[in-house]
């Protein structure tokens, strides 16, 4: 398929879908698959390790998938702007399903990790292209509805993933965790092929793809994210492997900048950071990814170790934010139509900062309803924050730039989550070491509590560690507020539909 000018693409944009309802169903199924596979493996690890071995490297089942999704987002965004959304989504779905089938057939842990990476390579296309198509299919006034639907699907799937994975591993076989993707993904793929009709664009010259830039971005992102994911886990932060990876990553950053400046059609074009609205949203949602680590990673540990809840009840304390987030997101349109995208997002993230700051003041040990109430309020605040920014930034660009813009936003959010996991993990372990005289980390301490061999002082130490993490998350929310206050334009330069 050839390339066209921006004007030609803009003229063709309104004819985006054949049967929009069928396409939306396919997008929701695709989003559910991407969200499920980020979490579904977690509760099946004992069965997987018991069958395949490889306990020392099983964390790469999650890290490999996350890395592949994150580093491919910019590439898929650019490809969707160049060739159209449909071929990118079809190719990504097929790659994701191939990875799922291979995971189900894995014969050892190394093979399973490699096939999880293949899954992630397809998952990057699912995440970015689904969000871009949602903006293509609906005018500005209707985008909150589809985005809130996708947010609901993502939240429910992410929360349901661990439970579904545990059920399949316990009552069937862990390989069904991956086989279940095949019928769902096949249905979504068929709906896309059958019902998504993009306009044909007149071929003028062969489309140019910046493969050198894509390789450089992939290598740079892979090295830096590996350093963040494995630092403090597989090796100490100041060890030779950690320093070597960070050094190589910084060198590759320079290579990316050099290659992208010379490319005719760069994977990460400079305008992504030169336009105030896009740059501000990228940084603000990077901070969102950072702060989301506090509740999603550390709250279940707090609920079990400090409140003494069972795993199911602890999961409920976390999951209540999935009830308020999509509702708040759906209602946010009534706010931003009155006061604007920027002011609505600032209201949401400012409220979120106060809620996160309030968490350390909960009584010890407290009742389960107290953190659950804070999570319910936090979900409502973040719904006011995230969706107006995504809808707003997608509305400042035309069809030919929307894929790249959406991918940059998702890339920054994913990168923020990776950085948050590394930083807050170090913070939690540092507080525990100070409270317990330099012995133990969060994982070993929580295991000791579960076995009943840890004293009450250990529960206090865990509470202090999680409180410190929440204070860090509140600082991340405050940072997002300041970014919007000083960098984002008062009124987003929205293009007419």
Protein backbone atom coordinates (compact mmCIF):
# COMPACT_ATOMS: atom_id res chain seq x y z
CA UNK A 1 0.00 0.00 0.00
CA UNK A 2 1.44 3.35 -0.96
CA UNK A 3 1.69 6.51 1.09
CA UNK A 4 -0.28 9.72 0.63
CA UNK A 5 -0.15 13.29 1.77
CA UNK A 6 -1.64 14.39 5.09
CA UNK A 7 -4.39 16.28 3.25
CA UNK A 8 -5.43 13.17 1.32
CA UNK A 9 -5.47 11.10 4.48
CA UNK A 10 -7.53 13.69 6.32
CA UNK A 11 -10.05 13.79 3.51
CA UNK A 12 -10.40 10.01 3.66
CA UNK A 13 -10.66 9.73 7.43
CA UNK A 14 -14.47 9.84 7.95
CA UNK A 15 -15.00 6.51 6.14
CA UNK A 16 -13.40 4.57 8.95
CA UNK A 17 -15.65 1.56 9.50
CA UNK A 18 -18.23 -0.67 7.90
CA UNK A 19 -20.28 -1.91 10.85
CA UNK A 20 -19.07 0.13 13.76
CA UNK A 21 -20.72 -2.00 16.44
CA UNK A 22 -18.94 -5.13 15.24
CA UNK A 23 -15.63 -3.29 15.07
CA UNK A 24 -16.09 -1.95 18.62
CA UNK A 25 -16.78 -5.50 19.83
CA UNK A 26 -13.53 -6.61 18.20
CA UNK A 27 -11.64 -3.75 19.86
CA UNK A 28 -13.04 -4.67 23.28
CA UNK A 29 -12.09 -8.33 22.79
CA UNK A 30 -8.58 -7.34 21.72
CA UNK A 31 -8.22 -5.02 24.70
CA UNK A 32 -9.37 -7.81 27.03
CA UNK A 33 -6.72 -10.16 25.64
CA UNK A 34 -3.94 -7.60 26.08
CA UNK A 35 -5.01 -6.84 29.66
CA UNK A 36 -5.52 -10.48 30.68
CA UNK A 37 -2.12 -11.59 29.51
CA UNK A 38 -0.39 -8.94 31.56
CA UNK A 39 -1.67 -10.57 34.80
CA UNK A 40 -3.14 -14.01 34.14
CA UNK A 41 0.15 -15.88 34.53
CA UNK A 42 0.89 -14.61 38.06
CA UNK A 43 -1.16 -17.12 40.09
CA UNK A 44 -0.14 -20.10 37.91
CA UNK A 45 3.61 -19.71 38.49
CA UNK A 46 3.85 -22.62 40.99
CA UNK A 47 2.26 -25.03 38.51
CA UNK A 48 4.35 -23.75 35.61
CA UNK A 49 7.59 -23.99 37.57
CA UNK A 50 6.63 -27.44 38.87
CA UNK A 51 6.10 -28.64 35.31
CA UNK A 52 8.90 -26.85 33.44
CA UNK A 53 11.41 -25.92 36.15
CA UNK A 54 13.37 -22.66 35.82
CA UNK A 55 12.39 -21.06 39.12
CA UNK A 56 15.39 -18.71 39.02
CA UNK A 57 14.21 -17.03 35.79
CA UNK A 58 10.41 -17.26 36.01
CA UNK A 59 10.12 -13.47 36.58
CA UNK A 60 10.93 -13.08 32.89
CA UNK A 61 7.48 -14.50 32.11
CA UNK A 62 6.22 -11.05 33.11
CA UNK A 63 9.25 -8.91 32.28
CA UNK A 64 9.67 -10.34 28.77
CA UNK A 65 6.04 -9.66 27.88
CA UNK A 66 6.16 -6.15 29.36
CA UNK A 67 9.39 -5.26 27.56
CA UNK A 68 8.11 -6.47 24.18
CA UNK A 69 4.83 -4.55 24.52
CA UNK A 70 6.52 -1.33 25.62
CA UNK A 71 9.34 -1.09 23.09
CA UNK A 72 7.12 -1.93 20.09
CA UNK A 73 4.45 0.71 20.79
CA UNK A 74 6.25 3.53 18.90
CA UNK A 75 6.86 1.28 15.89
CA UNK A 76 3.25 0.15 15.62
CA UNK A 77 2.02 3.71 16.02
CA UNK A 78 4.11 4.88 13.09
CA UNK A 79 3.18 1.87 10.96
CA UNK A 80 -0.53 2.47 11.56
CA UNK A 81 -0.13 6.07 10.37
CA UNK A 82 1.75 4.87 7.29
CA UNK A 83 -0.20 1.78 6.19
CA UNK A 84 -3.50 2.13 8.05
CA UNK A 85 -4.87 0.66 11.27
CA UNK A 86 -6.37 -2.51 9.81
CA UNK A 87 -3.21 -4.22 8.49
CA UNK A 88 -1.30 -3.38 11.69
CA UNK A 89 -4.08 -4.73 13.93
CA UNK A 90 -4.44 -7.89 11.83
CA UNK A 91 -0.68 -8.53 11.89
CA UNK A 92 -0.46 -7.84 15.62
CA UNK A 93 -3.43 -10.08 16.43
CA UNK A 94 -2.00 -12.92 14.34
CA UNK A 95 1.38 -12.56 16.08
CA UNK A 96 -0.28 -12.50 19.50
CA UNK A 97 -2.27 -15.67 18.73
CA UNK A 98 0.84 -17.39 17.37
CA UNK A 99 2.68 -16.53 20.58
CA UNK A 100 -0.25 -17.86 22.65
CA UNK A 101 -0.23 -21.17 20.79
CA UNK A 102 3.54 -21.51 21.13
CA UNK A 103 3.32 -20.73 24.88
CA UNK A 104 0.82 -23.57 25.28
CA UNK A 105 3.28 -25.91 23.52
CA UNK A 106 6.39 -24.77 25.46
CA UNK A 107 8.66 -27.62 26.61
CA UNK A 108 10.85 -25.72 29.10
CA UNK A 109 11.04 -22.34 30.84
CA UNK A 110 13.40 -20.84 28.26
CA UNK A 111 11.00 -21.64 25.43
CA UNK A 112 8.03 -20.29 27.39
CA UNK A 113 9.84 -17.00 28.06
CA UNK A 114 10.78 -16.67 24.39
CA UNK A 115 7.19 -17.30 23.32
CA UNK A 116 5.92 -14.77 25.88
CA UNK A 117 8.12 -12.23 24.12
CA UNK A 118 6.43 -13.19 20.83
CA UNK A 119 3.09 -12.60 22.54
CA UNK A 120 4.28 -9.20 23.69
CA UNK A 121 5.36 -8.25 20.18
CA UNK A 122 1.74 -8.76 19.13
CA UNK A 123 0.38 -7.20 22.31
CA UNK A 124 2.04 -3.88 21.49
CA UNK A 125 -0.01 -3.69 18.29
CA UNK A 126 -3.20 -4.54 20.16
CA UNK A 127 -2.80 -1.84 22.79
CA UNK A 128 -1.79 1.06 20.57
CA UNK A 129 -3.95 0.36 17.53
CA UNK A 130 -7.12 -0.31 19.54
CA UNK A 131 -6.84 3.09 21.24
CA UNK A 132 -6.14 4.81 17.92
CA UNK A 133 -9.06 3.15 16.13
CA UNK A 134 -11.38 4.17 18.95
CA UNK A 135 -10.57 7.81 18.16
CA UNK A 136 -10.92 7.19 14.41
CA UNK A 137 -14.38 5.69 14.73
CA UNK A 138 -16.02 8.39 16.87
CA UNK A 139 -16.21 12.19 16.73
CA UNK A 140 -14.93 14.17 19.69
CA UNK A 141 -18.29 14.39 21.47
CA UNK A 142 -18.69 10.58 21.48
CA UNK A 143 -15.12 9.52 22.27
CA UNK A 144 -15.60 9.44 26.07
CA UNK A 145 -18.16 6.64 25.63
CA UNK A 146 -15.87 4.31 23.70
CA UNK A 147 -12.83 5.20 25.82
CA UNK A 148 -14.74 4.48 29.03
CA UNK A 149 -15.83 1.13 27.60
CA UNK A 150 -12.22 0.26 26.80
CA UNK A 151 -11.14 1.43 30.27
CA UNK A 152 -13.78 -0.81 31.85
CA UNK A 153 -12.67 -3.81 29.80
CA UNK A 154 -9.02 -3.18 30.65
CA UNK A 155 -9.67 -2.77 34.38
CA UNK A 156 -11.95 -5.78 34.73
CA UNK A 157 -9.67 -8.00 32.66
CA UNK A 158 -6.57 -6.97 34.57
CA UNK A 159 -8.27 -7.66 37.92
CA UNK A 160 -9.85 -10.93 36.73
CA UNK A 161 -6.59 -12.20 35.24
CA UNK A 162 -4.97 -13.61 38.41
CA UNK A 163 -8.18 -15.33 39.51
CA UNK A 164 -8.81 -16.85 36.09
CA UNK A 165 -5.21 -17.99 35.84
CA UNK A 166 -5.43 -19.66 39.25
CA UNK A 167 -8.67 -21.46 38.35
CA UNK A 168 -7.30 -22.78 35.05
CA UNK A 169 -4.05 -23.91 36.65
CA UNK A 170 -5.84 -25.62 39.56
CA UNK A 171 -8.73 -27.31 37.77
CA UNK A 172 -7.48 -27.76 34.20
CA UNK A 173 -3.87 -27.20 33.15
CA UNK A 174 -1.72 -24.08 33.07
CA UNK A 175 -1.46 -24.38 29.27
CA UNK A 176 -5.13 -23.39 29.03
CA UNK A 177 -4.09 -19.94 30.22
CA UNK A 178 -2.73 -19.43 26.71
CA UNK A 179 -5.10 -21.67 24.75
CA UNK A 180 -8.10 -19.65 25.95
CA UNK A 181 -6.75 -16.72 23.89
CA UNK A 182 -7.20 -18.58 20.61
CA UNK A 183 -11.02 -18.60 20.23
CA UNK A 184 -11.39 -15.08 21.67
CA UNK A 185 -8.61 -13.69 19.50
CA UNK A 186 -9.85 -15.53 16.42
CA UNK A 187 -13.31 -13.98 16.85
CA UNK A 188 -11.83 -10.50 17.23
CA UNK A 189 -9.62 -11.04 14.19
CA UNK A 190 -12.57 -12.23 12.08
CA UNK A 191 -14.65 -9.19 13.07
CA UNK A 192 -11.80 -6.85 12.10
CA UNK A 193 -11.23 -8.55 8.75
CA UNK A 194 -14.94 -8.69 7.96
CA UNK A 195 -16.24 -5.36 9.21
CA UNK A 196 -13.42 -2.78 9.39
CA UNK A 197 -13.21 -0.95 6.07
CA UNK A 198 -10.62 1.77 5.76
CA UNK A 199 -10.61 4.02 2.72
CA UNK A 200 -8.26 3.15 -0.10
CA UNK A 201 -5.52 5.71 -0.52
CA UNK A 202 -4.06 6.57 -3.86
CA UNK A 203 -0.53 5.26 -4.26
CA UNK A 204 1.99 7.97 -5.07
CA UNK A 205 5.36 6.69 -3.88
CA UNK A 206 6.51 3.64 -1.95
CA UNK A 207 5.99 4.06 1.77
CA UNK A 208 9.23 4.59 3.65
CA UNK A 209 9.64 2.82 6.98
CA UNK A 210 12.44 3.85 9.30
CA UNK A 211 13.67 0.34 10.06
CA UNK A 212 17.02 1.60 11.37
CA UNK A 213 15.19 3.85 13.82
CA UNK A 214 12.85 1.03 14.79
CA UNK A 215 15.80 -1.25 15.56
CA UNK A 216 17.55 1.50 17.52
CA UNK A 217 14.41 2.29 19.57
CA UNK A 218 13.82 -1.41 20.21
CA UNK A 219 17.41 -1.96 21.37
CA UNK A 220 17.51 1.18 23.50
CA UNK A 221 14.16 0.52 25.17
CA UNK A 222 14.96 -3.15 25.71
CA UNK A 223 18.30 -2.44 27.38
CA UNK A 224 17.06 0.38 29.64
CA UNK A 225 13.86 -1.41 30.66
CA UNK A 226 15.82 -4.60 31.37
CA UNK A 227 18.10 -2.58 33.64
CA UNK A 228 15.08 -1.17 35.49
CA UNK A 229 13.18 -4.44 35.72
CA UNK A 230 16.09 -6.59 36.88
CA UNK A 231 18.02 -4.01 38.92
CA UNK A 232 17.74 -4.77 42.61
CA UNK A 233 16.17 -8.15 41.78
CA UNK A 234 18.52 -10.26 39.70
CA UNK A 235 21.54 -8.18 40.72
CA UNK A 236 22.31 -5.18 42.99
CA UNK A 237 21.74 -1.70 41.60
CA UNK A 238 25.43 -0.76 41.71
CA UNK A 239 26.72 -4.09 40.40
CA UNK A 240 28.60 -4.53 37.13
CA UNK A 241 25.58 -5.88 35.15
CA UNK A 242 23.38 -2.98 36.25
CA UNK A 243 25.97 -0.31 35.46
CA UNK A 244 26.80 -1.95 32.13
CA UNK A 245 23.14 -2.01 31.06
CA UNK A 246 22.55 1.61 32.04
CA UNK A 247 25.74 2.66 30.28
CA UNK A 248 24.77 0.78 27.13
CA UNK A 249 21.26 2.22 27.33
CA UNK A 250 22.52 5.81 27.50
CA UNK A 251 24.81 5.16 24.53
CA UNK A 252 21.86 3.78 22.59
CA UNK A 253 19.83 6.89 23.45
CA UNK A 254 22.45 8.91 21.59
CA UNK A 255 22.22 6.47 18.67
CA UNK A 256 18.41 6.84 18.57
CA UNK A 257 18.64 10.63 18.50
CA UNK A 258 21.23 10.53 15.70
CA UNK A 259 19.30 8.03 13.58
CA UNK A 260 15.92 9.70 14.06
CA UNK A 261 17.27 13.15 13.14
CA UNK A 262 18.49 11.80 9.80
CA UNK A 263 15.40 9.67 9.01
CA UNK A 264 12.87 10.95 6.45
CA UNK A 265 9.98 9.34 8.37
CA UNK A 266 11.27 8.78 11.93
CA UNK A 267 9.61 6.29 14.26
CA UNK A 268 9.62 8.92 17.02
CA UNK A 269 9.25 12.24 15.19
CA UNK A 270 10.47 15.39 16.85
CA UNK A 271 7.03 17.03 16.80
CA UNK A 272 5.88 14.59 19.50
CA UNK A 273 7.97 16.57 21.97
CA UNK A 274 7.88 20.01 20.31
CA UNK A 275 4.10 20.37 20.62
CA UNK A 276 3.21 21.49 24.13
CA UNK A 277 -0.05 19.56 24.41
CA UNK A 278 1.47 16.21 23.37
CA UNK A 279 4.64 16.66 25.43
CA UNK A 280 2.63 17.60 28.53
CA UNK A 281 0.28 14.63 28.18
CA UNK A 282 3.22 12.26 27.64
CA UNK A 283 4.92 13.45 30.83
CA UNK A 284 1.68 13.53 32.85
CA UNK A 285 0.69 9.99 31.87
CA UNK A 286 4.25 8.84 32.54
CA UNK A 287 3.69 10.09 36.09
CA UNK A 288 0.35 8.24 36.12
CA UNK A 289 2.14 4.98 35.29
CA UNK A 290 4.56 5.72 38.11
CA UNK A 291 1.90 6.32 40.78
CA UNK A 292 -0.28 3.36 39.72
CA UNK A 293 2.44 1.00 40.95
CA UNK A 294 1.72 1.92 44.58
CA UNK A 295 -1.82 0.50 44.78
CA UNK A 296 -1.56 -2.20 42.12
CA UNK A 297 1.68 -3.78 43.45
CA UNK A 298 1.87 -2.88 47.14
CA UNK A 299 -1.74 -2.64 48.34
CA UNK A 300 -2.41 -6.42 48.16
CA UNK A 301 0.69 -7.01 50.30
CA UNK A 302 -0.52 -4.40 52.79
CA UNK A 303 -4.01 -5.91 52.91
CA UNK A 304 -2.71 -9.42 53.61
CA UNK A 305 0.24 -8.64 55.87
CA UNK A 306 -1.08 -5.67 57.88
CA UNK A 307 -4.86 -6.10 57.75
CA UNK A 308 -4.66 -9.90 57.87
CA UNK A 309 -7.02 -10.44 54.93
CA UNK A 310 -7.19 -13.54 52.78
CA UNK A 311 -5.90 -13.21 49.19
CA UNK A 312 -9.43 -12.95 47.74
CA UNK A 313 -10.44 -10.20 50.17
CA UNK A 314 -7.15 -8.40 49.56
CA UNK A 315 -7.85 -8.50 45.85
CA UNK A 316 -11.26 -6.94 46.46
CA UNK A 317 -9.69 -4.02 48.33
CA UNK A 318 -7.65 -3.29 45.22
CA UNK A 319 -10.36 -4.00 42.66
CA UNK A 320 -12.84 -1.41 43.92
CA UNK A 321 -11.05 1.29 41.94
CA UNK A 322 -12.10 -0.53 38.76
CA UNK A 323 -15.70 0.33 39.70
CA UNK A 324 -15.25 4.08 40.04
CA UNK A 325 -12.58 4.69 37.37
CA UNK A 326 -14.69 3.94 34.24
CA UNK A 327 -17.79 5.63 35.70
CA UNK A 328 -15.80 8.77 36.42
CA UNK A 329 -14.18 8.59 32.98
CA UNK A 330 -17.55 8.34 31.27
CA UNK A 331 -18.87 11.34 33.21
CA UNK A 332 -15.73 13.42 32.67
CA UNK A 333 -17.06 14.77 29.37
CA UNK A 334 -19.60 16.85 31.28
CA UNK A 335 -16.71 18.44 33.19
CA UNK A 336 -14.20 19.06 30.41
CA UNK A 337 -16.85 20.53 28.11
CA UNK A 338 -17.32 23.23 30.74
CA UNK A 339 -13.81 23.85 32.01
CA UNK A 340 -11.55 22.22 29.38
CA UNK A 341 -9.30 19.17 29.16
CA UNK A 342 -6.41 20.68 31.13
CA UNK A 343 -8.47 21.94 34.07
CA UNK A 344 -10.41 18.66 34.33
CA UNK A 345 -7.21 16.63 34.37
CA UNK A 346 -5.68 18.96 36.98
CA UNK A 347 -8.78 18.55 39.15
CA UNK A 348 -8.49 14.77 38.90
CA UNK A 349 -4.77 14.47 39.57
CA UNK A 350 -4.85 17.07 42.34
CA UNK A 351 -7.55 15.07 44.12
CA UNK A 352 -5.57 11.87 43.53
CA UNK A 353 -2.50 13.44 45.16
CA UNK A 354 -4.52 14.26 48.30
CA UNK A 355 -5.97 10.73 48.45
CA UNK A 356 -2.55 9.10 48.09
CA UNK A 357 -1.13 11.45 50.73
CA UNK A 358 -3.96 10.45 53.11
CA UNK A 359 -3.10 6.73 52.96
CA UNK A 360 -0.20 6.86 55.48
CA UNK A 361 -2.57 8.42 58.01
CA UNK A 362 -4.84 5.37 58.13
CA UNK A 363 -4.97 3.84 61.64
CA UNK A 364 -2.93 0.74 62.39
CA UNK A 365 -3.95 -1.97 61.75
CA UNK A 366 -7.27 -0.48 60.66
CA UNK A 367 -10.27 -1.97 58.89
CA UNK A 368 -10.49 -3.20 55.30
CA UNK A 369 -13.14 -0.61 54.37
CA UNK A 370 -10.71 2.24 55.01
CA UNK A 371 -8.18 1.52 52.22
CA UNK A 372 -11.07 0.27 50.05
CA UNK A 373 -12.78 3.67 50.38
CA UNK A 374 -9.57 5.45 49.44
CA UNK A 375 -9.20 3.20 46.39
CA UNK A 376 -12.78 3.94 45.35
CA UNK A 377 -12.07 7.66 45.55
CA UNK A 378 -8.70 7.25 43.80
CA UNK A 379 -10.32 5.47 40.87
CA UNK A 380 -12.83 8.32 40.50
CA UNK A 381 -10.04 10.91 40.58
CA UNK A 382 -7.89 9.10 38.01
CA UNK A 383 -10.88 8.66 35.70
CA UNK A 384 -11.17 12.47 35.65
CA UNK A 385 -7.45 12.69 34.92
CA UNK A 386 -6.58 10.09 32.29
CA UNK A 387 -9.50 10.06 29.86
CA UNK A 388 -9.69 13.84 29.24
CA UNK A 389 -5.97 13.85 28.45
CA UNK A 390 -6.22 10.93 26.00
CA UNK A 391 -9.31 12.32 24.27
CA UNK A 392 -7.83 15.80 24.25
CA UNK A 393 -4.45 14.89 22.80
CA UNK A 394 -5.97 12.60 20.15
CA UNK A 395 -8.20 15.50 19.10
CA UNK A 396 -5.24 17.83 18.49
CA UNK A 397 -3.90 15.72 15.61
CA UNK A 398 -5.28 14.43 12.33
CA UNK A 399 -5.58 10.87 11.10
CA UNK A 400 -2.04 10.77 9.74
CA UNK A 401 -0.52 11.58 13.15
CA UNK A 402 -2.98 9.95 15.54
CA UNK A 403 -1.31 6.52 15.67
CA UNK A 404 2.09 7.99 16.51
CA UNK A 405 0.58 10.34 19.12
CA UNK A 406 -1.42 7.59 20.83
CA UNK A 407 1.57 5.26 20.84
CA UNK A 408 3.79 7.91 22.42
CA UNK A 409 1.25 8.43 25.22
CA UNK A 410 0.94 4.70 25.93
CA UNK A 411 4.72 4.24 25.71
CA UNK A 412 5.28 6.92 28.35
CA UNK A 413 2.64 5.40 30.64
CA UNK A 414 4.17 1.92 30.31
CA UNK A 415 7.65 3.29 30.89
CA UNK A 416 6.40 5.11 33.98
CA UNK A 417 5.06 1.85 35.38
CA UNK A 418 8.41 0.14 34.81
CA UNK A 419 10.30 2.97 36.48
CA UNK A 420 7.77 3.00 39.33
CA UNK A 421 8.17 -0.71 40.00
CA UNK A 422 11.95 -0.29 40.25
CA UNK A 423 11.94 2.93 42.30
CA UNK A 424 9.16 2.02 44.73
CA UNK A 425 10.54 -1.48 45.16
CA UNK A 426 13.84 0.06 46.24
CA UNK A 427 12.00 2.49 48.55
CA UNK A 428 9.99 -0.29 50.21
CA UNK A 429 13.03 -2.51 50.71
CA UNK A 430 15.05 0.43 52.06
CA UNK A 431 12.39 1.28 54.66
CA UNK A 432 12.12 -2.36 55.69
CA UNK A 433 15.88 -2.64 56.07
CA UNK A 434 15.92 0.48 58.27
CA UNK A 435 13.03 -0.75 60.46
CA UNK A 436 14.31 -4.32 60.80
CA UNK A 437 17.98 -3.61 61.32
CA UNK A 438 19.13 -4.21 57.76
CA UNK A 439 17.64 -7.70 57.33
CA UNK A 440 15.25 -8.87 54.63
CA UNK A 441 13.30 -7.41 51.74
CA UNK A 442 9.57 -7.11 51.12
CA UNK A 443 9.18 -10.53 49.48
CA UNK A 444 11.01 -12.48 52.18
CA UNK A 445 9.29 -10.61 55.00
CA UNK A 446 5.78 -11.19 53.60
CA UNK A 447 6.57 -14.89 53.15
CA UNK A 448 7.64 -15.06 56.80
CA UNK A 449 4.40 -13.41 57.85
CA UNK A 450 2.37 -15.85 55.78
CA UNK A 451 4.08 -18.75 57.53
CA UNK A 452 3.36 -17.22 60.95
CA UNK A 453 7.04 -16.90 61.89
CA UNK A 454 7.32 -13.09 61.96
CA UNK A 455 6.67 -10.86 65.00
CA UNK A 456 4.21 -7.97 65.20
CA UNK A 457 7.04 -5.49 64.66
CA UNK A 458 7.38 -6.85 61.15
CA UNK A 459 3.80 -5.85 60.35
CA UNK A 460 4.61 -2.34 61.50
CA UNK A 461 7.65 -2.34 59.24
CA UNK A 462 5.58 -3.41 56.23
CA UNK A 463 3.01 -0.73 57.00
CA UNK A 464 5.77 1.90 57.12
CA UNK A 465 7.23 0.63 53.84
CA UNK A 466 3.88 0.81 52.03
CA UNK A 467 3.21 4.23 53.55
CA UNK A 468 6.51 5.46 52.11
CA UNK A 469 5.54 4.11 48.71
CA UNK A 470 2.21 5.93 48.83
CA UNK A 471 3.96 9.16 49.74
CA UNK A 472 6.16 8.65 46.68
CA UNK A 473 3.04 8.07 44.58
CA UNK A 474 1.55 11.31 45.94
CA UNK A 475 4.72 13.10 44.82
CA UNK A 476 4.31 11.59 41.34
CA UNK A 477 0.72 12.89 41.24
CA UNK A 478 1.92 16.34 42.32
CA UNK A 479 4.54 16.21 39.55
CA UNK A 480 1.81 15.46 36.98
CA UNK A 481 -0.20 18.42 38.33
CA UNK A 482 2.80 20.74 37.92
CA UNK A 483 3.47 19.47 34.39
CA UNK A 484 -0.10 20.30 33.37
CA UNK A 485 0.02 23.65 35.17
CA UNK A 486 3.25 24.93 33.61
CA UNK A 487 3.63 22.99 30.34
CA UNK A 488 0.16 22.14 28.98
CA UNK A 489 -1.68 24.87 27.06
CA UNK A 490 -4.75 26.31 28.81
CA UNK A 491 -6.85 25.27 25.83
CA UNK A 492 -5.91 22.25 23.70
CA UNK A 493 -5.69 23.12 19.97
CA UNK A 494 -8.52 20.76 18.98
CA UNK A 495 -9.04 20.10 15.27
CA UNK A 496 -12.54 20.09 13.82
CA UNK A 497 -13.99 16.63 13.17
